[in-house]
Protein backbone atom coordinates (compact mmCIF):
# COMPACT_ATOMS: atom_id res chain seq x y z
CA UNK A 1 3.71 17.37 17.88
CA UNK A 2 7.29 15.76 19.28
CA UNK A 3 5.31 13.65 21.69
CA UNK A 4 2.95 12.41 18.82
CA UNK A 5 5.47 11.53 16.56
CA UNK A 6 7.55 9.67 19.20
CA UNK A 7 4.35 7.82 20.39
CA UNK A 8 3.28 7.04 16.82
CA UNK A 9 7.16 5.56 16.24
CA UNK A 10 6.80 3.42 19.19
CA UNK A 11 3.46 1.81 18.08
CA UNK A 12 4.89 0.99 14.71
CA UNK A 13 7.61 -0.61 16.29
CA UNK A 14 5.34 -2.79 18.41
CA UNK A 15 3.24 -3.71 15.58
CA UNK A 16 6.47 -5.28 13.91
CA UNK A 17 8.20 -1.82 12.63
CA UNK A 18 8.93 -1.29 8.92
CA UNK A 19 9.39 1.71 6.66
CA UNK A 20 7.89 5.01 7.79
CA UNK A 21 7.80 7.77 5.57
CA UNK A 22 6.37 11.24 5.18
CA UNK A 23 6.42 14.75 3.45
CA UNK A 24 7.53 17.56 5.46
CA UNK A 25 8.64 21.12 4.98
CA UNK A 26 12.15 22.56 5.77
CA UNK A 27 11.45 25.38 8.26
CA UNK A 28 15.25 26.38 9.02
CA UNK A 29 15.87 29.89 8.57
CA UNK A 30 12.55 30.67 7.24
CA UNK A 31 8.92 31.16 8.32
CA UNK A 32 6.58 28.07 6.92
CA UNK A 33 2.98 28.84 6.41
CA UNK A 34 0.86 26.49 8.79
CA UNK A 35 -0.97 25.02 5.59
CA UNK A 36 2.44 23.27 4.89
CA UNK A 37 3.14 21.95 8.18
CA UNK A 38 0.22 19.24 8.36
CA UNK A 39 2.87 16.39 9.19
CA UNK A 40 5.54 18.30 11.25
CA UNK A 41 8.61 19.56 10.15
CA UNK A 42 11.89 17.90 8.20
CA UNK A 43 13.79 19.23 11.27
CA UNK A 44 11.43 17.48 13.40
CA UNK A 45 11.48 13.90 11.77
CA UNK A 46 15.46 14.21 11.63
CA UNK A 47 15.49 14.77 15.67
CA UNK A 48 13.81 11.32 15.21
CA UNK A 49 16.35 9.61 12.95
CA UNK A 50 14.64 10.34 9.84
CA UNK A 51 16.73 10.92 6.69
CA UNK A 52 15.77 13.24 3.66
CA UNK A 53 15.34 10.65 0.55
CA UNK A 54 13.97 13.12 -2.01
CA UNK A 55 13.17 16.71 -2.52
CA UNK A 56 9.39 17.25 -4.08
CA UNK A 57 9.27 21.02 -3.73
CA UNK A 58 11.13 24.07 -3.24
CA UNK A 59 11.30 23.42 0.62
CA UNK A 60 9.47 20.07 0.69
CA UNK A 61 11.04 16.60 1.15
CA UNK A 62 9.92 13.12 1.68
CA UNK A 63 11.84 11.62 4.65
CA UNK A 64 12.00 7.99 5.99
CA UNK A 65 13.24 6.03 8.58
CA UNK A 66 13.21 1.86 8.91
CA UNK A 67 12.23 0.97 12.19
CA UNK A 68 13.10 -2.41 14.01
CA UNK A 69 10.26 -4.40 15.71
CA UNK A 70 10.20 -3.86 19.20
């Protein structure tokens, strides 16, 4: 997932960049069910410079990052 996210971000930057958002689950100190991890974990997005924007569930967050054009 780490490689896939990195590759996707590279492609978005090559195509002009812009706002990238996702809804994901916090998994630190807990076990999350796989059905909630369809877009990776909040921690993985944070490793790629995303920031938490708004909590939308007990463990779910909207994360975002603005990419500059490559």
